[in-house]
Amino acid sequence: MAAVNDSTTTLHYIFDPLCGWCYAAAPLVDAARGVPGLRVEFHGGGMMTGANRRQITPQWRDYVMPHDHRIAEMTGQPFGENYFEGLLRDTGAVMDSEPPTTAVLAAESLRDGGGLDMAHRLQQAHYVEGRRIADVGVLKALAAELGLGAEAFAAAFDRLAGAPTAQHIAESRQFLQRAGGQGFPTFVLTQAEGRAGRIDIGPWLGRAEDWKAQLAALVAASQPAATHTAATPPVCDPDGCAI
């Protein structure tokens, strides 16, 4: 990946709110946010937007459940009965990444770090509580839970919906391509001297404290993370979520 001009060390998190393996990596994101001297920046990749939006079907439930069970076994991340027996049986629900991505952008515009707070809350709402996170009413309720003012959030959401969100998704995909990533989640560490590299998070899943220590060492040493070129499988198979 080409050098990146930046004055700080930044962990770039290319993700999607409906990506199961991004949920698997959520403890790593939380741990990274606690590393002194490290900024964590999100990039929503729009995995399920446009023609890739999906309505819940029995076939979809049968497809994702083995992967969700594997994530739980590997990482300890919880999946709720309201998700398995509620949302995944709700054939009226639509999996659409655009509204929750707009919510993440709106939250960030209102509070520094609010975007990652919202991303984390969206994952809990989806995978534990079985809520329809593509519904604007649900997004407004989650924003209220995070302490974001109802009127301010609604105004920010309206301002960032549509073209601004589409632009963010397009820029995120361009960044993913430049980084040599092939799916979600992809993590890229850019360092103060301008160098950058992808980090393979596979070895760190379920090891948040070890991951945090590794990131702290990289920040302290100001050395680029190793770039990994292993291929990423297709969308939401047992090993990842690709475009």
Protein backbone atom coordinates (compact mmCIF):
# COMPACT_ATOMS: atom_id res chain seq x y z
CA MET A 1 0.00 0.00 0.00
CA ALA A 2 1.23 3.50 -0.77
CA ALA A 3 2.46 5.76 1.99
CA VAL A 4 -0.16 7.78 3.81
CA ASN A 5 0.54 11.28 5.02
CA ASP A 6 -0.63 11.55 8.61
CA SER A 7 0.75 13.03 11.78
CA THR A 8 -0.59 10.31 14.07
CA THR A 9 -0.86 6.55 14.20
CA THR A 10 -4.29 5.49 12.97
CA LEU A 11 -6.01 2.13 12.86
CA HIS A 12 -8.44 2.20 9.94
CA TYR A 13 -11.41 -0.13 10.39
CA ILE A 14 -13.19 -0.99 7.13
CA PHE A 15 -16.44 -2.63 8.16
CA ASP A 16 -20.14 -3.10 7.64
CA PRO A 17 -22.83 -3.02 10.34
CA LEU A 18 -24.35 -6.26 8.99
CA CYS A 19 -21.08 -8.17 8.67
CA GLY A 20 -20.86 -11.07 11.10
CA TRP A 21 -17.08 -11.12 11.10
CA CYS A 22 -17.04 -7.42 11.91
CA TYR A 23 -19.10 -8.33 14.96
CA ALA A 24 -16.50 -11.00 15.71
CA ALA A 25 -13.86 -8.26 15.63
CA ALA A 26 -15.82 -5.81 17.80
CA PRO A 27 -13.81 -6.61 20.96
CA LEU A 28 -10.63 -5.84 19.01
CA VAL A 29 -12.04 -2.46 17.98
CA ASP A 30 -12.97 -1.67 21.57
CA ALA A 31 -9.51 -2.69 22.76
CA ALA A 32 -7.82 -0.57 20.09
CA ARG A 33 -9.75 2.47 21.27
CA GLY A 34 -7.98 2.11 24.61
CA VAL A 35 -4.44 2.22 23.18
CA PRO A 36 -2.73 5.55 24.03
CA GLY A 37 -1.57 7.45 20.96
CA LEU A 38 -3.74 5.44 18.57
CA ARG A 39 -6.68 6.86 16.67
CA VAL A 40 -9.33 4.46 15.37
CA GLU A 41 -11.13 5.58 12.22
CA PHE A 42 -14.09 3.79 10.66
CA HIS A 43 -14.93 3.30 6.98
CA GLY A 44 -18.36 1.85 6.15
CA GLY A 45 -18.11 -0.34 3.05
CA GLY A 46 -21.80 -0.80 2.23
CA MET A 47 -21.77 -4.59 1.97
CA MET A 48 -25.54 -4.86 1.64
CA THR A 49 -26.59 -1.84 -0.36
CA GLY A 50 -28.34 -1.41 -3.69
CA ALA A 51 -28.71 -4.71 -5.50
CA ASN A 52 -27.01 -6.47 -2.58
CA ARG A 53 -29.80 -5.68 -0.12
CA ARG A 54 -31.37 -8.89 1.19
CA GLN A 55 -34.72 -9.81 2.61
CA ILE A 56 -34.68 -12.37 5.40
CA THR A 57 -35.66 -15.83 4.18
CA PRO A 58 -35.50 -19.32 5.70
CA GLN A 59 -32.63 -20.02 3.30
CA TRP A 60 -30.71 -17.00 4.59
CA ARG A 61 -31.22 -18.16 8.17
CA ASP A 62 -29.90 -21.61 7.32
CA TYR A 63 -26.91 -20.03 5.57
CA VAL A 64 -25.77 -17.64 8.28
CA MET A 65 -26.45 -19.64 11.44
CA PRO A 66 -23.46 -22.02 11.12
CA HIS A 67 -21.17 -19.02 10.63
CA ASP A 68 -22.70 -17.22 13.60
CA HIS A 69 -22.15 -20.30 15.77
CA ARG A 70 -18.54 -20.44 14.63
CA ILE A 71 -18.04 -16.78 15.51
CA ALA A 72 -19.48 -17.40 18.96
CA GLU A 73 -17.18 -20.38 19.50
CA MET A 74 -14.07 -18.54 18.29
CA THR A 75 -14.61 -15.22 20.02
CA GLY A 76 -17.18 -15.58 22.76
CA GLN A 77 -19.36 -12.95 21.12
CA PRO A 78 -23.00 -13.42 22.20
CA PHE A 79 -25.89 -14.09 19.83
CA GLY A 80 -29.37 -13.73 21.26
CA GLU A 81 -32.49 -15.83 20.89
CA ASN A 82 -34.23 -12.69 19.63
CA TYR A 83 -31.78 -12.81 16.73
CA PHE A 84 -31.85 -16.54 15.97
CA GLU A 85 -35.54 -17.12 16.63
CA GLY A 86 -36.81 -13.60 16.03
CA LEU A 87 -35.03 -11.55 13.38
CA LEU A 88 -33.81 -14.54 11.35
CA ARG A 89 -37.42 -15.73 11.13
CA ASP A 90 -38.77 -12.26 10.29
CA THR A 91 -39.33 -12.54 6.55
CA GLY A 92 -40.50 -8.94 6.44
CA ALA A 93 -37.10 -7.64 7.54
CA VAL A 94 -34.64 -6.28 4.99
CA MET A 95 -30.86 -6.36 5.41
CA ASP A 96 -29.78 -2.93 4.16
CA SER A 97 -26.43 -1.46 5.20
CA GLU A 98 -27.15 2.08 4.06
CA PRO A 99 -29.42 3.36 6.88
CA PRO A 100 -27.20 2.06 9.71
CA THR A 101 -24.13 3.46 7.96
CA THR A 102 -25.85 6.82 7.82
CA ALA A 103 -26.56 6.47 11.54
CA VAL A 104 -22.86 5.86 12.22
CA LEU A 105 -21.93 8.96 10.22
CA ALA A 106 -24.59 11.02 11.98
CA ALA A 107 -23.41 9.89 15.42
CA GLU A 108 -19.82 10.78 14.57
CA SER A 109 -20.88 14.22 13.36
CA LEU A 110 -22.46 14.88 16.75
CA ARG A 111 -19.76 13.46 19.01
CA ASP A 112 -16.13 12.53 18.46
CA GLY A 113 -16.05 8.76 18.75
CA GLY A 114 -19.82 8.60 18.44
CA GLY A 115 -19.57 6.71 15.16
CA LEU A 116 -17.77 3.77 16.71
CA ASP A 117 -20.14 3.89 19.68
CA MET A 118 -23.04 3.65 17.26
CA ALA A 119 -21.41 0.86 15.24
CA HIS A 120 -20.98 -1.18 18.43
CA ARG A 121 -24.57 -0.50 19.52
CA LEU A 122 -25.89 -1.47 16.08
CA GLN A 123 -24.10 -4.82 16.28
CA GLN A 124 -25.59 -5.52 19.70
CA ALA A 125 -29.04 -4.51 18.50
CA HIS A 126 -28.79 -6.80 15.49
CA TYR A 127 -27.01 -9.89 16.79
CA VAL A 128 -28.21 -9.93 20.40
CA GLU A 129 -31.53 -8.11 20.45
CA GLY A 130 -32.73 -9.08 16.97
CA ARG A 131 -33.79 -5.56 16.04
CA ARG A 132 -34.26 -4.24 12.50
CA ILE A 133 -31.30 -1.87 12.27
CA ALA A 134 -32.27 -0.75 8.77
CA ASP A 135 -35.40 0.89 10.22
CA VAL A 136 -35.02 4.60 10.91
CA GLY A 137 -37.19 4.36 14.00
CA VAL A 138 -34.85 1.77 15.50
CA LEU A 139 -31.82 3.91 14.64
CA LYS A 140 -33.33 6.94 16.37
CA ALA A 141 -34.05 4.84 19.45
CA LEU A 142 -30.46 3.59 19.54
CA ALA A 143 -29.17 7.15 19.17
CA ALA A 144 -31.27 8.17 22.17
CA GLU A 145 -29.78 5.29 24.18
CA LEU A 146 -26.34 6.66 23.35
CA GLY A 147 -27.31 10.07 24.68
CA LEU A 148 -27.51 11.78 21.31
CA GLY A 149 -30.23 14.40 21.20
CA ALA A 150 -33.28 13.27 19.26
CA GLU A 151 -33.61 16.43 17.18
CA ALA A 152 -29.89 16.75 16.57
CA PHE A 153 -29.59 13.12 15.49
CA ALA A 154 -32.64 13.31 13.23
CA ALA A 155 -31.25 16.44 11.56
CA ALA A 156 -27.79 14.89 11.13
CA PHE A 157 -29.29 11.68 9.78
CA ASP A 158 -31.38 13.56 7.20
CA ARG A 159 -28.38 15.64 6.18
CA LEU A 160 -26.10 12.63 5.70
CA ALA A 161 -28.61 10.22 4.13
CA GLY A 162 -28.53 9.54 0.42
CA ALA A 163 -25.65 11.05 -1.55
CA PRO A 164 -23.31 11.77 1.43
CA THR A 165 -23.60 8.17 2.64
CA ALA A 166 -23.13 6.85 -0.88
CA GLN A 167 -19.99 8.97 -1.22
CA HIS A 168 -18.66 7.67 2.09
CA ILE A 169 -19.25 4.08 0.98
CA ALA A 170 -17.56 4.71 -2.39
CA GLU A 171 -14.53 6.27 -0.68
CA SER A 172 -14.37 3.37 1.79
CA ARG A 173 -14.35 0.85 -1.05
CA GLN A 174 -11.63 2.81 -2.82
CA PHE A 175 -9.58 2.77 0.38
CA LEU A 176 -10.19 -0.97 0.73
CA GLN A 177 -8.95 -1.50 -2.82
CA ARG A 178 -5.85 0.65 -2.30
CA ALA A 179 -5.09 -1.29 0.87
CA GLY A 180 -5.29 -4.57 -1.00
CA GLY A 181 -8.16 -5.77 1.16
CA GLN A 182 -10.86 -7.99 -0.27
CA GLY A 183 -13.57 -7.92 2.36
CA PHE A 184 -14.83 -6.93 5.78
CA PRO A 185 -13.43 -6.38 8.25
CA THR A 186 -10.11 -5.04 7.00
CA PHE A 187 -7.74 -3.24 9.35
CA VAL A 188 -5.02 -0.92 8.10
CA LEU A 189 -2.45 0.73 10.36
CA THR A 190 -1.05 4.04 9.12
CA GLN A 191 1.85 5.46 11.07
CA ALA A 192 3.21 8.88 11.83
CA GLU A 193 6.01 8.63 9.29
CA GLY A 194 3.51 7.84 6.54
CA ARG A 195 3.89 4.09 6.13
CA ALA A 196 0.88 1.81 6.17
CA GLY A 197 0.06 -1.88 6.18
CA ARG A 198 -2.82 -4.26 6.61
CA ILE A 199 -3.08 -6.30 9.77
CA ASP A 200 -4.36 -9.87 9.63
CA ILE A 201 -6.73 -10.07 12.59
CA GLY A 202 -7.32 -13.81 12.31
CA PRO A 203 -4.75 -14.70 14.98
CA TRP A 204 -6.16 -12.06 17.33
CA LEU A 205 -9.85 -13.00 17.34
CA GLY A 206 -10.82 -13.80 20.91
CA ARG A 207 -7.53 -12.32 22.19
CA ALA A 208 -8.40 -8.67 22.71
CA GLU A 209 -5.81 -7.98 25.41
CA ASP A 210 -2.97 -9.52 23.39
CA TRP A 211 -4.11 -7.51 20.38
CA LYS A 212 -4.13 -4.33 22.47
CA ALA A 213 -0.58 -5.01 23.63
CA GLN A 214 0.55 -5.63 20.06
CA LEU A 215 -0.97 -2.36 18.87
CA ALA A 216 0.60 -0.50 21.76
CA ALA A 217 3.99 -1.90 20.78
CA LEU A 218 3.48 -0.85 17.17
CA VAL A 219 2.51 2.64 18.22
CA ALA A 220 5.51 2.91 20.53
CA ALA A 221 7.94 1.61 17.93
CA SER A 222 6.29 3.50 15.06
CA GLN A 223 6.81 0.53 12.79
CA PRO A 224 4.35 -0.59 10.09
CA ALA A 225 2.32 -3.71 10.60
CA ALA A 226 3.10 -6.57 8.29
CA THR A 227 1.05 -6.66 5.11
CA HIS A 228 -0.80 -9.90 4.53
CA THR A 229 -1.90 -10.94 1.08
CA ALA A 230 -3.94 -14.02 1.78
CA ALA A 231 -7.17 -14.13 -0.19
CA THR A 232 -10.45 -13.35 1.55
CA PRO A 233 -13.36 -15.68 0.77
CA PRO A 234 -16.73 -14.58 -0.65
CA VAL A 235 -19.34 -12.60 1.22
CA CYS A 236 -19.96 -13.87 4.76
CA ASP A 237 -18.59 -17.36 4.40
CA PRO A 238 -16.97 -19.01 7.44
CA ASP A 239 -13.79 -16.97 7.05
CA GLY A 240 -14.97 -13.45 6.37
CA CYS A 241 -17.29 -11.04 4.65
CA ALA A 242 -16.13 -9.96 1.21
CA ILE A 243 -17.71 -7.60 -1.29
